């Protein structure tokens, strides 16, 4: 789903974006495209003009997770946490004790460092918002990893 949050100065940009999509034969699924909306859910995130936060369904799933008691449960937790890794500062450093459990032939030892890592990631994943909107007074770069071209 594509959600565009537009303010009046950006309305002309929509026309430019759509023309560019047409020029490069990029097809938009109109039934999944929403323009000029107040908020919406995309890829597990609730997006509004004020903030981007984790979707409540994902928060409920994460909040109900128990302390992992097996390698599979650690892998599952890290899978959920990894979905939001770009929004968590030093994710790899924080999750390091947990990822060590996943190494081949490592015994399952959920020690104090693992517990601290789990609790820290758990609390970071439950805190909202995790991303704030752009500050247009500062420089920024828009990146697209879907193809070799960006819009």
Protein backbone atom coordinates (compact mmCIF):
# COMPACT_ATOMS: atom_id res chain seq x y z
CA UNK A 1 0.00 0.00 0.00
CA UNK A 2 1.21 3.47 -0.78
CA UNK A 3 0.28 6.33 1.52
CA UNK A 4 1.20 9.86 0.58
CA UNK A 5 0.84 12.51 3.24
CA UNK A 6 0.72 15.76 1.41
CA UNK A 7 0.59 19.34 2.44
CA UNK A 8 -0.41 22.12 0.07
CA UNK A 9 3.14 22.95 -1.18
CA UNK A 10 3.67 19.30 -2.09
CA UNK A 11 0.50 18.90 -4.18
CA UNK A 12 2.34 19.77 -7.39
CA UNK A 13 4.95 17.15 -6.48
CA UNK A 14 2.29 14.45 -6.75
CA UNK A 15 1.79 15.29 -10.41
CA UNK A 16 5.55 15.14 -10.98
CA UNK A 17 5.83 11.79 -9.18
CA UNK A 18 2.96 10.28 -11.16
CA UNK A 19 4.44 11.54 -14.45
CA UNK A 20 7.80 10.01 -13.52
CA UNK A 21 6.10 6.69 -12.68
CA UNK A 22 4.42 6.75 -16.07
CA UNK A 23 7.71 7.56 -17.87
CA UNK A 24 9.48 4.53 -16.38
CA UNK A 25 6.43 2.25 -16.73
CA UNK A 26 6.01 1.88 -12.97
CA UNK A 27 2.55 0.50 -12.30
CA UNK A 28 0.76 1.53 -9.13
CA UNK A 29 -2.01 -0.66 -7.75
CA UNK A 30 -4.71 1.99 -7.47
CA UNK A 31 -6.82 -0.16 -5.16
CA UNK A 32 -3.86 -0.19 -2.78
CA UNK A 33 -2.87 3.46 -3.26
CA UNK A 34 -4.30 6.11 -0.99
CA UNK A 35 -3.65 9.80 -1.51
CA UNK A 36 -4.19 12.71 0.86
CA UNK A 37 -5.13 10.61 3.90
CA UNK A 38 -4.68 11.51 7.56
CA UNK A 39 -3.19 8.16 8.59
CA UNK A 40 -2.81 4.57 7.46
CA UNK A 41 -1.04 1.29 8.06
CA UNK A 42 1.80 0.19 5.83
CA UNK A 43 4.19 -2.72 6.36
CA UNK A 44 3.29 -3.06 10.03
CA UNK A 45 3.59 0.66 10.79
CA UNK A 46 0.89 3.19 11.57
CA UNK A 47 1.83 6.31 9.63
CA UNK A 48 0.44 9.78 10.22
CA UNK A 49 1.71 13.27 9.56
CA UNK A 50 2.84 13.48 13.20
CA UNK A 51 4.71 10.18 13.54
CA UNK A 52 5.40 6.66 12.41
CA UNK A 53 4.77 4.04 15.06
CA UNK A 54 4.50 0.29 15.24
CA UNK A 55 1.04 -1.04 14.33
CA UNK A 56 -0.97 -1.98 17.45
CA UNK A 57 -1.29 -5.59 16.23
CA UNK A 58 2.51 -5.88 16.14
CA UNK A 59 2.80 -4.23 19.57
CA UNK A 60 0.30 -6.72 21.03
CA UNK A 61 2.24 -9.62 19.52
CA UNK A 62 5.51 -8.33 20.96
CA UNK A 63 4.04 -7.42 24.37
CA UNK A 64 2.68 -10.97 24.77
CA UNK A 65 6.05 -12.57 24.00
CA UNK A 66 7.52 -14.45 26.95
CA UNK A 67 11.20 -14.71 27.76
CA UNK A 68 12.60 -17.17 25.19
CA UNK A 69 13.26 -20.66 26.52
CA UNK A 70 14.60 -22.24 23.33
CA UNK A 71 16.69 -21.38 20.27
CA UNK A 72 13.53 -21.28 18.13
CA UNK A 73 11.91 -18.75 20.46
CA UNK A 74 15.04 -16.56 20.39
CA UNK A 75 15.03 -16.78 16.58
CA UNK A 76 11.33 -15.84 16.51
CA UNK A 77 11.85 -12.86 18.82
CA UNK A 78 14.84 -11.62 16.83
CA UNK A 79 12.79 -12.01 13.66
CA UNK A 80 10.10 -9.70 15.04
CA UNK A 81 12.68 -7.30 16.45
CA UNK A 82 14.72 -7.35 13.23
CA UNK A 83 11.70 -6.09 11.30
CA UNK A 84 12.16 -2.80 13.17
CA UNK A 85 15.96 -2.87 13.41
CA UNK A 86 16.50 0.31 11.40
CA UNK A 87 14.54 2.26 14.01
CA UNK A 88 16.49 0.95 17.00
CA UNK A 89 19.80 2.65 17.65
CA UNK A 90 22.67 0.15 17.92
CA UNK A 91 20.34 -2.79 17.26
CA UNK A 92 23.19 -5.20 16.50
CA UNK A 93 25.07 -4.24 19.68
CA UNK A 94 21.96 -4.62 21.84
CA UNK A 95 20.95 -7.94 20.27
CA UNK A 96 24.47 -9.42 20.22
CA UNK A 97 24.02 -11.69 23.29
CA UNK A 98 20.86 -13.12 21.73
CA UNK A 99 22.42 -13.65 18.32
CA UNK A 100 25.30 -15.56 19.95
CA UNK A 101 22.77 -18.19 21.05
CA UNK A 102 21.92 -18.80 17.38
CA UNK A 103 25.45 -19.78 16.34
CA UNK A 104 25.88 -23.34 15.17
CA UNK A 105 26.56 -25.92 17.88
CA UNK A 106 26.26 -23.30 20.65
CA UNK A 107 24.54 -24.58 23.80
CA UNK A 108 21.37 -22.75 24.80
CA UNK A 109 22.44 -20.61 27.72
CA UNK A 110 20.04 -17.74 28.36
CA UNK A 111 22.17 -15.87 30.89
CA UNK A 112 21.95 -12.41 32.46
CA UNK A 113 23.35 -10.62 29.38
CA UNK A 114 20.72 -12.33 27.22
CA UNK A 115 18.01 -11.31 29.67
CA UNK A 116 19.18 -7.68 29.63
CA UNK A 117 19.28 -7.69 25.81
CA UNK A 118 15.79 -9.22 25.63
CA UNK A 119 14.34 -6.72 28.11
CA UNK A 120 15.98 -3.75 26.38
CA UNK A 121 14.80 -4.80 22.90
CA UNK A 122 11.36 -5.63 24.29
CA UNK A 123 10.99 -2.17 25.86
CA UNK A 124 12.34 -0.41 22.75
CA UNK A 125 9.89 -2.26 20.53
CA UNK A 126 6.97 -1.32 22.76
CA UNK A 127 7.82 2.37 23.00
CA UNK A 128 6.08 4.57 20.44
CA UNK A 129 6.64 6.53 18.33
CA UNK A 130 9.85 5.03 17.03
CA UNK A 131 10.25 7.38 14.08
CA UNK A 132 9.35 11.05 13.84
CA UNK A 133 8.46 12.88 10.62
CA UNK A 134 11.05 14.76 8.62
CA UNK A 135 12.22 18.14 9.76
CA UNK A 136 12.12 20.01 6.45
CA UNK A 137 14.47 22.67 7.82
CA UNK A 138 17.27 20.05 7.81
CA UNK A 139 18.81 18.35 4.74
CA UNK A 140 17.70 14.78 4.05
CA UNK A 141 18.02 12.08 1.40
CA UNK A 142 15.24 9.87 0.04
CA UNK A 143 16.35 6.36 -0.85
CA UNK A 144 14.49 3.58 -2.63
CA UNK A 145 15.77 0.01 -2.52
CA UNK A 146 13.09 -1.46 -4.78
CA UNK A 147 15.03 -0.85 -7.97
CA UNK A 148 18.03 0.93 -9.42
CA UNK A 149 15.96 4.11 -9.68
CA UNK A 150 14.49 6.30 -7.00
CA UNK A 151 11.59 8.66 -7.14
